[in-house]
Amino acid sequence: MVWQTLEAKLSTPRMSRYLKGNRNKDRAAEAYVHNMKIAESLVSVFHVLEVAVRNGIQKEMALEYGRNDWYEEWNGTGNAHFQKLYNKISEAKEELRNRKIELTPDNIVAELSFGFWTSLFNRATITNLSKPLMRVFYFCPKSMRQPDNIRTRLNKGRDLRNRCFHHEPLLWQPLYELHRDISEVIKWIEPGLHEWIKTHDRVPATLGDWVNWRDSPAPAHAESLPAITNEQNVSNSLSKSAYPAADPENIAGHTQT
C-alpha cells in the first residue's frame, strides 16, 4: 500500500530508481526515506555555506570598490560579462520592488541566488575579481587558494545543493567526500564558524545510518544489496553504490538557486 501511494503520487520514474537498487518495494520505500533524511541534514550545512560566502563577498567587494553597492560599478561598463551579472542585480531589485522591500545593499545581497555568487568565480570574470574574492577565503592554505580550486569546490557545492533542493536522488553521490569539501570551504572562510557548525552537523550520523541500513541483511524474500568488503571505505561505498545513476543531467543547466 505504501509503495503504491508513493509510486502514484511521486511518479513511477522517480521511485523506479530506488526499486532498481533493491528489487524489493519495502526496502526501496525505506531507501527513499533515507534520501529525504540525508537531504534534510544537508540543509544546515548549505545554510552556513551560502550565507558565509555571500556575506564574505559583500564585505570584500565593498572594500575593493569603496561602496556598499559595489555592483553599481558594473552597469554600463561595456563589459558583457559584468553587464550580464548586473542584469541579475536588476532582476533582484525588481523582485524586491514587487514585494515592497527597500532596495538596500543588504536586501539586494540577500535576494541574489547562490548561483549568482558562484558565477563570480567563472573564468570570464575572475581575472578582474580575483583579489577581493580570494580574500574571502583568507584561511585557505596559500597553495590551495587558487581561483580554479575555489571555483571547483563552490560548483560542486552548488550542484549538490541543487540536487538536494530540487528533491533529486542523492544516494549514489560521493556524499562523504562532498560534505568534507563543503565543510572545508566554510573553514577557509572562518575556522570558528566551521567548528560551530560541526557541533550541529547531522550529516555524518545520517550517512552512517544510511550505510548501516543499506548493508544490513535484506529479508529472506528480498535480494540483498552487495556488502562492503573490508578493503572498501565508507566514502567509496557511497560513491559506488548499488543504486544506478540517474539519467544524465546537467545540474548547472538548472535554474541556479
Protein backbone atom coordinates (compact mmCIF):
# COMPACT_ATOMS: atom_id res chain seq x y z
CA MET A 1 0.00 0.00 0.00
CA VAL A 2 2.81 2.42 0.88
CA TRP A 3 4.65 1.71 -2.36
CA GLN A 4 1.50 2.11 -4.45
CA THR A 5 0.88 5.51 -2.88
CA LEU A 6 4.48 6.66 -3.37
CA GLU A 7 4.54 5.49 -6.97
CA ALA A 8 1.18 7.06 -7.74
CA LYS A 9 1.89 10.44 -6.15
CA LEU A 10 5.66 10.82 -6.56
CA SER A 11 5.81 9.17 -10.04
CA THR A 12 6.96 5.79 -11.31
CA PRO A 13 10.18 7.10 -12.92
CA ARG A 14 11.26 8.71 -9.64
CA MET A 15 10.56 5.66 -7.49
CA SER A 16 11.91 3.14 -10.01
CA ARG A 17 15.45 4.38 -9.34
CA TYR A 18 15.17 3.16 -5.76
CA LEU A 19 13.46 -0.08 -6.76
CA LYS A 20 16.29 -0.98 -9.16
CA GLY A 21 18.72 -0.76 -6.28
CA ASN A 22 16.70 -3.04 -4.03
CA ARG A 23 14.48 -5.40 -6.05
CA ASN A 24 12.07 -5.07 -3.16
CA LYS A 25 9.39 -2.42 -2.76
CA ASP A 26 9.53 -2.23 1.03
CA ARG A 27 13.28 -1.61 1.06
CA ALA A 28 13.01 0.80 -1.86
CA ALA A 29 10.48 2.84 0.11
CA GLU A 30 12.83 2.83 3.11
CA ALA A 31 15.71 3.94 0.90
CA TYR A 32 13.60 6.88 -0.22
CA VAL A 33 13.17 7.87 3.42
CA HIS A 34 16.95 7.74 3.89
CA ASN A 35 17.33 10.01 0.86
CA MET A 36 14.95 12.53 2.44
CA LYS A 37 16.79 12.39 5.77
CA ILE A 38 20.15 12.99 4.07
CA ALA A 39 18.71 15.96 2.17
CA GLU A 40 17.28 17.35 5.40
CA SER A 41 20.60 17.02 7.23
CA LEU A 42 22.45 18.83 4.45
CA VAL A 43 20.27 21.94 4.71
CA SER A 44 22.09 23.38 7.75
CA VAL A 45 25.49 22.98 6.06
CA PHE A 46 24.25 24.67 2.89
CA HIS A 47 22.70 27.41 5.00
CA VAL A 48 26.04 28.28 6.59
CA LEU A 49 28.00 27.89 3.34
CA GLU A 50 25.71 30.12 1.30
CA VAL A 51 25.33 32.90 3.86
CA ALA A 52 29.05 32.92 4.71
CA VAL A 53 30.07 33.03 1.04
CA ARG A 54 27.72 35.84 0.05
CA ASN A 55 28.45 37.94 3.15
CA GLY A 56 32.17 37.44 2.71
CA ILE A 57 31.96 38.53 -0.91
CA GLN A 58 29.83 41.55 0.02
CA LYS A 59 32.40 42.66 2.60
CA GLU A 60 35.43 42.27 0.33
CA MET A 61 33.78 43.78 -2.75
CA ALA A 62 32.62 46.80 -0.72
CA LEU A 63 36.21 47.31 0.44
CA GLU A 64 37.53 46.89 -3.10
CA TYR A 65 35.12 49.37 -4.69
CA GLY A 66 34.77 51.72 -1.73
CA ARG A 67 30.98 51.48 -1.64
CA ASN A 68 28.41 49.05 -0.26
CA ASP A 69 26.52 49.00 -3.56
CA TRP A 70 29.67 47.95 -5.45
CA TYR A 71 27.62 46.17 -8.11
CA GLU A 72 26.51 49.56 -9.48
CA GLU A 73 30.03 49.93 -10.86
CA TRP A 74 29.22 47.17 -13.34
CA ASN A 75 26.32 48.94 -15.03
CA GLY A 76 27.18 50.39 -18.40
CA THR A 77 30.86 49.43 -18.34
CA GLY A 78 30.73 47.87 -21.79
CA ASN A 79 31.93 44.54 -20.38
CA ALA A 80 29.36 41.96 -21.49
CA HIS A 81 30.15 39.57 -18.65
CA PHE A 82 29.71 42.19 -15.96
CA GLN A 83 26.60 43.53 -17.65
CA LYS A 84 25.11 40.03 -17.54
CA LEU A 85 25.82 39.93 -13.81
CA TYR A 86 24.31 43.37 -13.37
CA ASN A 87 21.16 42.18 -15.13
CA LYS A 88 20.79 39.66 -12.29
CA ILE A 89 21.09 42.55 -9.85
CA SER A 90 18.32 44.35 -11.72
CA GLU A 91 16.11 41.27 -11.52
CA ALA A 92 16.69 41.07 -7.77
CA LYS A 93 15.77 44.74 -7.42
CA GLU A 94 12.56 44.21 -9.38
CA GLU A 95 11.61 41.28 -7.17
CA LEU A 96 12.17 43.39 -4.06
CA ARG A 97 10.08 46.23 -5.51
CA ASN A 98 7.25 43.81 -6.20
CA ARG A 99 7.35 42.78 -2.54
CA LYS A 100 7.65 46.42 -1.44
CA ILE A 101 11.02 45.82 0.22
CA GLU A 102 13.53 48.66 0.44
CA LEU A 103 16.37 48.43 -2.10
CA THR A 104 19.25 48.47 0.37
CA PRO A 105 22.55 46.68 -0.35
CA ASP A 106 21.79 44.19 2.45
CA ASN A 107 18.40 43.31 0.96
CA ILE A 108 19.75 43.05 -2.57
CA VAL A 109 22.63 40.81 -1.48
CA ALA A 110 20.23 38.53 0.39
CA GLU A 111 17.93 38.31 -2.65
CA LEU A 112 20.63 37.10 -5.05
CA SER A 113 20.84 33.35 -5.65
CA PHE A 114 23.76 31.14 -4.69
CA GLY A 115 24.23 30.60 -8.42
CA PHE A 116 24.94 34.31 -8.79
CA TRP A 117 27.67 34.24 -6.17
CA THR A 118 29.36 31.14 -7.55
CA SER A 119 29.24 32.62 -11.07
CA LEU A 120 31.58 35.41 -9.94
CA PHE A 121 34.33 32.77 -9.89
CA ASN A 122 33.86 31.85 -13.56
CA ARG A 123 36.90 32.33 -15.76
CA ALA A 124 35.21 35.18 -17.65
CA THR A 125 35.15 37.40 -14.55
CA ILE A 126 37.62 36.01 -12.02
CA THR A 127 40.61 37.71 -13.66
CA ASN A 128 39.21 41.10 -12.69
CA LEU A 129 37.83 39.98 -9.33
CA SER A 130 40.43 37.54 -8.02
CA LYS A 131 41.94 39.93 -5.46
CA PRO A 132 38.76 40.59 -3.41
CA LEU A 133 37.27 37.15 -3.99
CA MET A 134 40.35 35.27 -2.83
CA ARG A 135 40.37 37.38 0.35
CA VAL A 136 37.04 35.80 1.26
CA PHE A 137 38.93 32.53 1.80
CA TYR A 138 41.63 34.07 3.96
CA PHE A 139 42.27 30.87 5.94
CA CYS A 140 42.70 28.66 2.90
CA PRO A 141 46.31 27.45 2.61
CA LYS A 142 48.16 29.55 0.03
CA SER A 143 48.96 26.50 -2.06
CA MET A 144 45.23 25.85 -2.44
CA ARG A 145 43.95 29.44 -2.58
CA GLN A 146 43.68 29.43 -6.35
CA PRO A 147 40.63 30.54 -8.36
CA ASP A 148 40.31 27.18 -10.14
CA ASN A 149 40.31 25.28 -6.86
CA ILE A 150 37.81 27.60 -5.17
CA ARG A 151 35.57 27.54 -8.25
CA THR A 152 35.58 23.74 -8.35
CA ARG A 153 34.67 23.46 -4.67
CA LEU A 154 31.88 26.01 -4.93
CA ASN A 155 30.44 24.49 -8.09
CA LYS A 156 30.37 21.03 -6.53
CA GLY A 157 28.65 22.50 -3.50
CA ARG A 158 26.12 24.30 -5.67
CA ASP A 159 25.41 21.18 -7.72
CA LEU A 160 24.78 19.10 -4.59
CA ARG A 161 22.67 21.91 -3.14
CA ASN A 162 20.55 21.99 -6.29
CA ARG A 163 20.13 18.22 -6.26
CA CYS A 164 19.07 18.43 -2.64
CA PHE A 165 16.67 21.35 -3.01
CA HIS A 166 15.24 20.05 -6.29
CA HIS A 167 14.42 16.78 -4.49
CA GLU A 168 16.68 14.61 -6.63
CA PRO A 169 18.16 11.25 -5.58
CA LEU A 170 21.36 11.65 -3.56
CA LEU A 171 22.19 8.10 -2.51
CA TRP A 172 24.77 7.36 -5.20
CA GLN A 173 26.60 10.67 -4.90
CA PRO A 174 30.03 10.62 -3.15
CA LEU A 175 28.39 12.26 -0.16
CA TYR A 176 31.17 11.92 2.41
CA GLU A 177 33.65 13.49 0.01
CA LEU A 178 31.30 16.30 -0.97
CA HIS A 179 30.38 17.02 2.64
CA ARG A 180 34.07 17.14 3.58
CA ASP A 181 34.84 19.57 0.75
CA ILE A 182 31.91 21.86 1.55
CA SER A 183 32.84 21.90 5.24
CA GLU A 184 36.42 22.74 4.34
CA VAL A 185 35.27 25.76 2.32
CA ILE A 186 33.49 27.03 5.43
CA LYS A 187 36.72 26.50 7.38
CA TRP A 188 38.63 28.53 4.78
CA ILE A 189 36.24 31.42 5.37
CA GLU A 190 36.33 31.24 9.17
CA PRO A 191 37.64 28.32 11.27
CA GLY A 192 35.45 29.31 14.21
CA LEU A 193 32.35 29.07 12.04
CA HIS A 194 33.45 25.63 10.90
CA GLU A 195 33.88 24.46 14.50
CA TRP A 196 30.46 25.81 15.40
CA ILE A 197 28.59 24.10 12.55
CA LYS A 198 30.36 20.82 13.34
CA THR A 199 28.54 20.71 16.67
CA HIS A 200 25.19 20.97 14.85
CA ASP A 201 26.03 18.98 11.72
CA ARG A 202 23.94 15.81 11.43
CA VAL A 203 25.27 14.73 8.03
CA PRO A 204 27.93 12.23 9.23
CA ALA A 205 25.47 10.45 11.54
CA THR A 206 22.75 10.42 8.89
CA LEU A 207 25.11 8.99 6.28
CA GLY A 208 26.25 6.39 8.79
CA ASP A 209 22.65 5.36 9.39
CA TRP A 210 22.11 5.02 5.66
CA VAL A 211 25.21 2.89 5.07
CA ASN A 212 24.43 0.64 8.05
CA TRP A 213 20.88 0.13 6.83
CA ARG A 214 21.95 -0.43 3.25
CA ASP A 215 24.46 -3.10 4.21
CA SER A 216 22.21 -4.85 6.70
CA PRO A 217 20.89 -8.29 5.64
CA ALA A 218 17.80 -7.99 3.50
CA PRO A 219 14.71 -10.04 4.37
CA ALA A 220 14.79 -13.61 3.09
CA HIS A 221 12.35 -12.84 0.29
CA ALA A 222 14.38 -9.87 -0.94
CA GLU A 223 17.60 -9.67 -2.89
CA SER A 224 20.35 -8.32 -0.67
CA LEU A 225 22.50 -5.35 -1.59
CA PRO A 226 26.20 -6.04 -2.13
CA ALA A 227 28.11 -5.91 1.13
CA ILE A 228 31.06 -3.58 1.58
CA THR A 229 34.30 -5.51 1.83
CA ASN A 230 36.88 -4.70 4.46
CA GLU A 231 39.05 -3.10 1.80
CA GLN A 232 36.38 -0.57 0.87
CA ASN A 233 35.92 2.54 2.95
CA VAL A 234 32.59 4.13 3.60
CA SER A 235 33.17 7.03 1.26
CA ASN A 236 33.94 4.70 -1.62
CA SER A 237 30.86 2.64 -0.86
CA LEU A 238 28.71 5.71 -1.16
CA SER A 239 30.24 6.83 -4.44
CA LYS A 240 29.94 3.32 -5.91
CA SER A 241 26.56 2.44 -4.50
CA ALA A 242 24.43 -0.42 -5.74
CA TYR A 243 21.96 2.23 -6.84
CA PRO A 244 22.01 3.02 -10.56
CA ALA A 245 22.93 6.51 -11.63
CA ALA A 246 20.05 8.73 -12.63
CA ASP A 247 19.59 9.84 -16.20
CA PRO A 248 22.46 12.21 -17.04
CA GLU A 249 21.52 15.71 -16.01
CA ASN A 250 23.47 18.92 -16.22
CA ILE A 251 22.71 20.42 -12.85
CA ALA A 252 24.47 23.63 -13.81
CA GLY A 253 21.84 23.91 -16.52
CA HIS A 254 19.09 24.08 -13.91
CA THR A 255 17.95 27.41 -12.64
CA GLN A 256 20.77 28.35 -10.32
CA THR A 257 19.27 28.92 -6.92
